[in-house]
Structures are given as structure tokens and as C-alpha cells.
PDB file of N, CA and C in Angstrom:
ATOM      1  N   MET A   1      17.887 -63.986  13.416  1.00  0.00           N
ATOM      2  CA  MET A   1      18.557 -62.598  13.344  1.00  0.00           C
ATOM      3  C   MET A   1      19.046 -62.235  14.774  1.00  0.00           C
ATOM      4  N   ALA A   2      20.251 -61.815  14.763  1.00  0.00           N
ATOM      5  CA  ALA A   2      20.978 -61.447  16.077  1.00  0.00           C
ATOM      6  C   ALA A   2      20.289 -60.111  16.504  1.00  0.00           C
ATOM      7  N   VAL A   3      20.113 -60.041  17.856  1.00  0.00           N
ATOM      8  CA  VAL A   3      19.719 -59.018  18.609  1.00  0.00           C
ATOM      9  C   VAL A   3      20.542 -58.553  19.851  1.00  0.00           C
ATOM     10  N   PRO A   4      20.725 -57.536  20.306  1.00  0.00           N
ATOM     11  CA  PRO A   4      21.382 -57.218  21.411  1.00  0.00           C
ATOM     12  C   PRO A   4      20.567 -57.753  22.658  1.00  0.00           C
ATOM     13  N   LYS A   5      21.430 -58.326  23.551  1.00  0.00           N
ATOM     14  CA  LYS A   5      20.499 -58.846  24.990  1.00  0.00           C
ATOM     15  C   LYS A   5      20.292 -57.715  25.701  1.00  0.00           C
ATOM     16  N   LYS A   6      20.942 -56.672  25.862  1.00  0.00           N
ATOM     17  CA  LYS A   6      20.672 -55.529  26.817  1.00  0.00           C
ATOM     18  C   LYS A   6      20.573 -54.281  25.934  1.00  0.00           C
ATOM     19  N   LYS A   7      19.849 -53.316  26.352  1.00  0.00           N
ATOM     20  CA  LYS A   7      19.717 -52.016  25.842  1.00  0.00           C
ATOM     21  C   LYS A   7      21.260 -51.278  26.111  1.00  0.00           C
ATOM     22  N   THR A   8      21.639 -50.676  25.028  1.00  0.00           N
ATOM     23  CA  THR A   8      22.923 -49.700  25.084  1.00  0.00           C
ATOM     24  C   THR A   8      22.409 -48.458  25.913  1.00  0.00           C
ATOM     25  N   SER A   9      23.203 -48.104  26.735  1.00  0.00           N
ATOM     26  CA  SER A   9      22.924 -46.798  27.615  1.00  0.00           C
ATOM     27  C   SER A   9      23.262 -45.594  26.682  1.00  0.00           C
ATOM     28  N   LYS A  10      22.445 -44.432  27.157  1.00  0.00           N
ATOM     29  CA  LYS A  10      22.602 -43.341  26.376  1.00  0.00           C
ATOM     30  C   LYS A  10      24.018 -42.881  26.396  1.00  0.00           C
ATOM     31  N   SER A  11      24.733 -42.993  27.567  1.00  0.00           N
ATOM     32  CA  SER A  11      26.081 -42.350  27.497  1.00  0.00           C
ATOM     33  C   SER A  11      26.948 -43.297  26.396  1.00  0.00           C
ATOM     34  N   LYS A  12      26.920 -44.489  26.480  1.00  0.00           N
ATOM     35  CA  LYS A  12      27.726 -45.354  25.729  1.00  0.00           C
ATOM     36  C   LYS A  12      27.497 -44.908  24.006  1.00  0.00           C
ATOM     37  N   ARG A  13      26.111 -44.689  23.988  1.00  0.00           N
ATOM     38  CA  ARG A  13      25.728 -44.434  22.550  1.00  0.00           C
ATOM     39  C   ARG A  13      26.357 -42.991  22.020  1.00  0.00           C
ATOM     40  N   ASN A  14      26.161 -42.052  23.095  1.00  0.00           N
ATOM     41  CA  ASN A  14      26.760 -40.676  22.738  1.00  0.00           C
ATOM     42  C   ASN A  14      28.356 -40.686  22.694  1.00  0.00           C
ATOM     43  N   GLN A  15      28.952 -41.533  23.378  1.00  0.00           N
ATOM     44  CA  GLN A  15      30.444 -41.705  23.401  1.00  0.00           C
ATOM     45  C   GLN A  15      30.763 -42.231  22.029  1.00  0.00           C
ATOM     46  N   ARG A  16      30.269 -43.274  21.619  1.00  0.00           N
ATOM     47  CA  ARG A  16      30.507 -43.870  20.521  1.00  0.00           C
ATOM     48  C   ARG A  16      30.286 -42.839  19.226  1.00  0.00           C
ATOM     49  N   HIS A  17      29.122 -42.078  19.327  1.00  0.00           N
ATOM     50  CA  HIS A  17      28.751 -40.988  18.246  1.00  0.00           C
ATOM     51  C   HIS A  17      30.037 -39.953  18.303  1.00  0.00           C
ATOM     52  N   ALA A  18      30.350 -39.456  19.529  1.00  0.00           N
ATOM     53  CA  ALA A  18      31.306 -38.545  19.612  1.00  0.00           C
ATOM     54  C   ALA A  18      32.666 -38.854  18.889  1.00  0.00           C
ATOM     55  N   ILE A  19      33.132 -40.286  19.231  1.00  0.00           N
ATOM     56  CA  ILE A  19      34.258 -40.711  18.718  1.00  0.00           C
ATOM     57  C   ILE A  19      34.354 -40.938  17.117  1.00  0.00           C
ATOM     58  N   TRP A  20      33.039 -41.169  16.621  1.00  0.00           N
ATOM     59  CA  TRP A  20      32.810 -41.214  15.040  1.00  0.00           C
ATOM     60  C   TRP A  20      32.832 -39.914  14.540  1.00  0.00           C
ATOM     61  N   LYS A  21      32.397 -38.805  15.060  1.00  0.00           N
ATOM     62  CA  LYS A  21      32.543 -37.503  14.691  1.00  0.00           C
ATOM     63  C   LYS A  21      34.094 -36.810  14.613  1.00  0.00           C
ATOM     64  N   ALA A  22      34.527 -37.284  15.820  1.00  0.00           N
ATOM     65  CA  ALA A  22      35.980 -36.770  15.991  1.00  0.00           C
ATOM     66  C   ALA A  22      37.025 -37.291  14.945  1.00  0.00           C
ATOM     67  N   LYS A  23      36.611 -38.660  14.590  1.00  0.00           N
ATOM     68  CA  LYS A  23      37.416 -39.382  13.500  1.00  0.00           C
ATOM     69  C   LYS A  23      37.321 -38.443  12.121  1.00  0.00           C
ATOM     70  N   ALA A  24      35.985 -38.264  11.880  1.00  0.00           N
ATOM     71  CA  ALA A  24      35.793 -37.420  10.664  1.00  0.00           C
ATOM     72  C   ALA A  24      36.332 -36.290  10.583  1.00  0.00           C
ATOM     73  N   ALA A  25      36.230 -35.268  11.745  1.00  0.00           N
ATOM     74  CA  ALA A  25      36.857 -34.121  11.740  1.00  0.00           C
ATOM     75  C   ALA A  25      38.328 -34.280  11.576  1.00  0.00           C
ATOM     76  N   THR A  26      39.187 -35.253  12.045  1.00  0.00           N
ATOM     77  CA  THR A  26      40.491 -35.277  11.905  1.00  0.00           C
ATOM     78  C   THR A  26      40.856 -35.756  10.629  1.00  0.00           C
ATOM     79  N   ALA A  27      40.114 -36.537   9.984  1.00  0.00           N
ATOM     80  CA  ALA A  27      40.454 -36.776   8.743  1.00  0.00           C
ATOM     81  C   ALA A  27      40.382 -35.657   7.668  1.00  0.00           C
ATOM     82  N   ALA A  28      39.299 -34.969   8.114  1.00  0.00           N
ATOM     83  CA  ALA A  28      39.090 -33.654   7.084  1.00  0.00           C
ATOM     84  C   ALA A  28      40.123 -32.693   7.239  1.00  0.00           C
ATOM     85  N   GLU A  29      40.524 -32.627   8.541  1.00  0.00           N
ATOM     86  CA  GLU A  29      41.563 -31.547   8.747  1.00  0.00           C
ATOM     87  C   GLU A  29      43.080 -31.908   8.060  1.00  0.00           C
ATOM     88  N   ARG A  30      43.226 -33.349   8.118  1.00  0.00           N
ATOM     89  CA  ARG A  30      44.385 -33.868   7.449  1.00  0.00           C
ATOM     90  C   ARG A  30      44.342 -33.639   5.979  1.00  0.00           C
ATOM     91  N   ALA A  31      43.154 -34.036   5.352  1.00  0.00           N
ATOM     92  CA  ALA A  31      42.921 -33.785   3.905  1.00  0.00           C
ATOM     93  C   ALA A  31      43.053 -32.443   3.487  1.00  0.00           C
ATOM     94  N   LEU A  32      42.715 -31.422   4.371  1.00  0.00           N
ATOM     95  CA  LEU A  32      42.892 -30.048   3.906  1.00  0.00           C
ATOM     96  C   LEU A  32      44.283 -29.628   4.110  1.00  0.00           C
ATOM     97  N   SER A  33      44.999 -30.193   4.986  1.00  0.00           N
ATOM     98  CA  SER A  33      46.307 -29.618   5.223  1.00  0.00           C
ATOM     99  C   SER A  33      47.405 -30.489   4.045  1.00  0.00           C
ATOM    100  N   LEU A  34      46.926 -31.558   3.863  1.00  0.00           N
ATOM    101  CA  LEU A  34      47.703 -32.184   2.553  1.00  0.00           C
ATOM    102  C   LEU A  34      47.426 -31.452   1.369  1.00  0.00           C
ATOM    103  N   GLY A  35      46.194 -31.059   1.033  1.00  0.00           N
ATOM    104  CA  GLY A  35      45.862 -30.313  -0.007  1.00  0.00           C
ATOM    105  C   GLY A  35      46.691 -29.049  -0.285  1.00  0.00           C
ATOM    106  N   LYS A  36      46.586 -28.338   0.886  1.00  0.00           N
ATOM    107  CA  LYS A  36      47.205 -27.037   0.948  1.00  0.00           C
ATOM    108  C   LYS A  36      48.825 -27.217   0.672  1.00  0.00           C
ATOM    109  N   SER A  37      49.420 -28.168   1.211  1.00  0.00           N
ATOM    110  CA  SER A  37      50.989 -28.281   1.026  1.00  0.00           C
ATOM    111  C   SER A  37      51.171 -28.803  -0.365  1.00  0.00           C
ATOM    112  N   VAL A  38      50.159 -29.641  -1.026  1.00  0.00           N
ATOM    113  CA  VAL A  38      50.495 -29.955  -2.406  1.00  0.00           C
ATOM    114  C   VAL A  38      50.374 -28.684  -3.333  1.00  0.00           C
ATOM    115  N   LEU A  39      49.197 -27.763  -3.053  1.00  0.00           N
ATOM    116  CA  LEU A  39      49.208 -26.701  -3.936  1.00  0.00           C
ATOM    117  C   LEU A  39      50.208 -25.679  -3.611  1.00  0.00           C
ATOM    118  N   SER A  40      50.902 -25.657  -2.456  1.00  0.00           N
ATOM    119  CA  SER A  40      51.868 -24.738  -2.180  1.00  0.00           C
ATOM    120  C   SER A  40      53.277 -25.280  -2.708  1.00  0.00           C
ATOM    121  N   GLY A  41      53.385 -26.614  -3.042  1.00  0.00           N
ATOM    122  CA  GLY A  41      54.772 -27.100  -3.597  1.00  0.00           C
ATOM    123  C   GLY A  41      55.396 -27.879  -2.316  1.00  0.00           C
ATOM    124  N   ARG A  42      55.041 -27.686  -1.155  1.00  0.00           N
ATOM    125  CA  ARG A  42      55.696 -28.006  -0.080  1.00  0.00           C
ATOM    126  C   ARG A  42      55.525 -29.468   0.502  1.00  0.00           C
ATOM    127  N   ALA A  43      54.726 -30.143  -0.464  1.00  0.00           N
ATOM    128  CA  ALA A  43      54.507 -31.604   0.143  1.00  0.00           C
ATOM    129  C   ALA A  43      55.815 -32.608  -0.032  1.00  0.00           C
ATOM    130  N   GLN A  44      55.992 -33.390   1.015  1.00  0.00           N
ATOM    131  CA  GLN A  44      56.939 -34.374   1.095  1.00  0.00           C
ATOM    132  C   GLN A  44      56.454 -35.495   1.370  1.00  0.00           C
ATOM    133  N   GLY A  45      56.921 -36.596   0.909  1.00  0.00           N
ATOM    134  CA  GLY A  45      56.363 -37.895   1.179  1.00  0.00           C
ATOM    135  C   GLY A  45      55.060 -38.306   0.489  1.00  0.00           C
ATOM    136  N   PHE A  46      54.740 -37.339  -0.478  1.00  0.00           N
ATOM    137  CA  PHE A  46      53.325 -37.536  -1.086  1.00  0.00           C
ATOM    138  C   PHE A  46      53.727 -37.626  -2.714  1.00  0.00           C
ATOM    139  N   VAL A  47      53.476 -38.757  -3.441  1.00  0.00           N
ATOM    140  CA  VAL A  47      53.862 -38.726  -4.736  1.00  0.00           C
ATOM    141  C   VAL A  47      52.509 -38.621  -5.573  1.00  0.00           C
ATOM    142  N   TYR A  48      52.450 -37.707  -6.547  1.00  0.00           N
ATOM    143  CA  TYR A  48      51.478 -37.390  -7.507  1.00  0.00           C
ATOM    144  C   TYR A  48      51.971 -37.218  -8.811  1.00  0.00           C
ATOM    145  N   PRO A  49      51.356 -37.456 -10.025  1.00  0.00           N
ATOM    146  CA  PRO A  49      51.830 -37.241 -11.297  1.00  0.00           C
ATOM    147  C   PRO A  49      52.121 -35.739 -11.669  1.00  0.00           C
ATOM    148  N   MET A  50      53.048 -35.500 -12.274  1.00  0.00           N
ATOM    149  CA  MET A  50      53.250 -34.183 -12.600  1.00  0.00           C
ATOM    150  C   MET A  50      52.985 -34.227 -14.175  1.00  0.00           C
ATOM    151  N   ASP A  51      52.370 -32.978 -14.788  1.00  0.00           N
ATOM    152  CA  ASP A  51      52.132 -33.056 -16.166  1.00  0.00           C
ATOM    153  C   ASP A  51      53.326 -32.354 -16.787  1.00  0.00           C
ATOM    154  N   GLU A  52      54.153 -33.091 -17.443  1.00  0.00           N
ATOM    155  CA  GLU A  52      55.389 -32.751 -18.061  1.00  0.00           C
ATOM    156  C   GLU A  52      55.211 -32.803 -19.515  1.00  0.00           C
ATOM    157  N   GLY A  53      54.438 -32.176 -20.307  1.00  0.00           N
ATOM    158  CA  GLY A  53      54.078 -32.064 -21.552  1.00  0.00           C
ATOM    159  C   GLY A  53      53.146 -33.272 -22.008  1.00  0.00           C
ATOM    160  N   ASP A  54      53.121 -33.622 -23.216  1.00  0.00           N
ATOM    161  CA  ASP A  54      52.460 -34.918 -23.634  1.00  0.00           C
ATOM    162  C   ASP A  54      53.287 -35.776 -24.149  1.00  0.00           C
ATOM    163  N   GLU A  55      53.759 -36.715 -23.376  1.00  0.00           N
ATOM    164  CA  GLU A  55      54.858 -37.763 -23.661  1.00  0.00           C
ATOM    165  C   GLU A  55      54.025 -39.068 -23.791  1.00  0.00           C
ATOM    166  N   ASP A  56      53.618 -39.448 -24.962  1.00  0.00           N
ATOM    167  CA  ASP A  56      53.067 -40.780 -25.173  1.00  0.00           C
ATOM    168  C   ASP A  56      53.958 -41.782 -25.663  1.00  0.00           C
ATOM    169  N   ASP A  57      53.907 -42.951 -25.045  1.00  0.00           N
ATOM    170  CA  ASP A  57      55.014 -44.150 -25.263  1.00  0.00           C
ATOM    171  C   ASP A  57      53.992 -45.171 -25.845  1.00  0.00           C
ATOM    172  N   ASP A  58      53.754 -44.888 -27.223  1.00  0.00           N
ATOM    173  CA  ASP A  58      52.836 -46.068 -27.865  1.00  0.00           C
ATOM    174  C   ASP A  58      53.841 -47.121 -28.517  1.00  0.00           C
TER     175      ASP A  58
END
């Protein structure tokens, strides 16, 4: 089993954790922004299916 040769310092660990948290916050902000634009009808560059009646092609 692979093990690290040296202990990771607290500052490196904290830095890695901060980057991970920042990525999550950025992704959440983008998702919320996209959701708002889709609901308001101003979404550009985002393709989603529109419900235009019941059109079945059997």
C-alpha cells in the first residue's frame, strides 16, 4: 500500500481545503445564475427541451 513519505504541513492542507471549498462555491453560484436566466427566459447558449404540446412520433 502506498503511503506518503513526509507529513503534509497544516498550511498545505488548509490551502488545499480552501481551494476545494472555493470551487464548490463558484459552481453553486454559476448553477444559480443559470437557473435564474432559464426561468427568466434570457438564457443564451443553453439548450433545453421546450414542451410544445404532445407531439408523439410513433
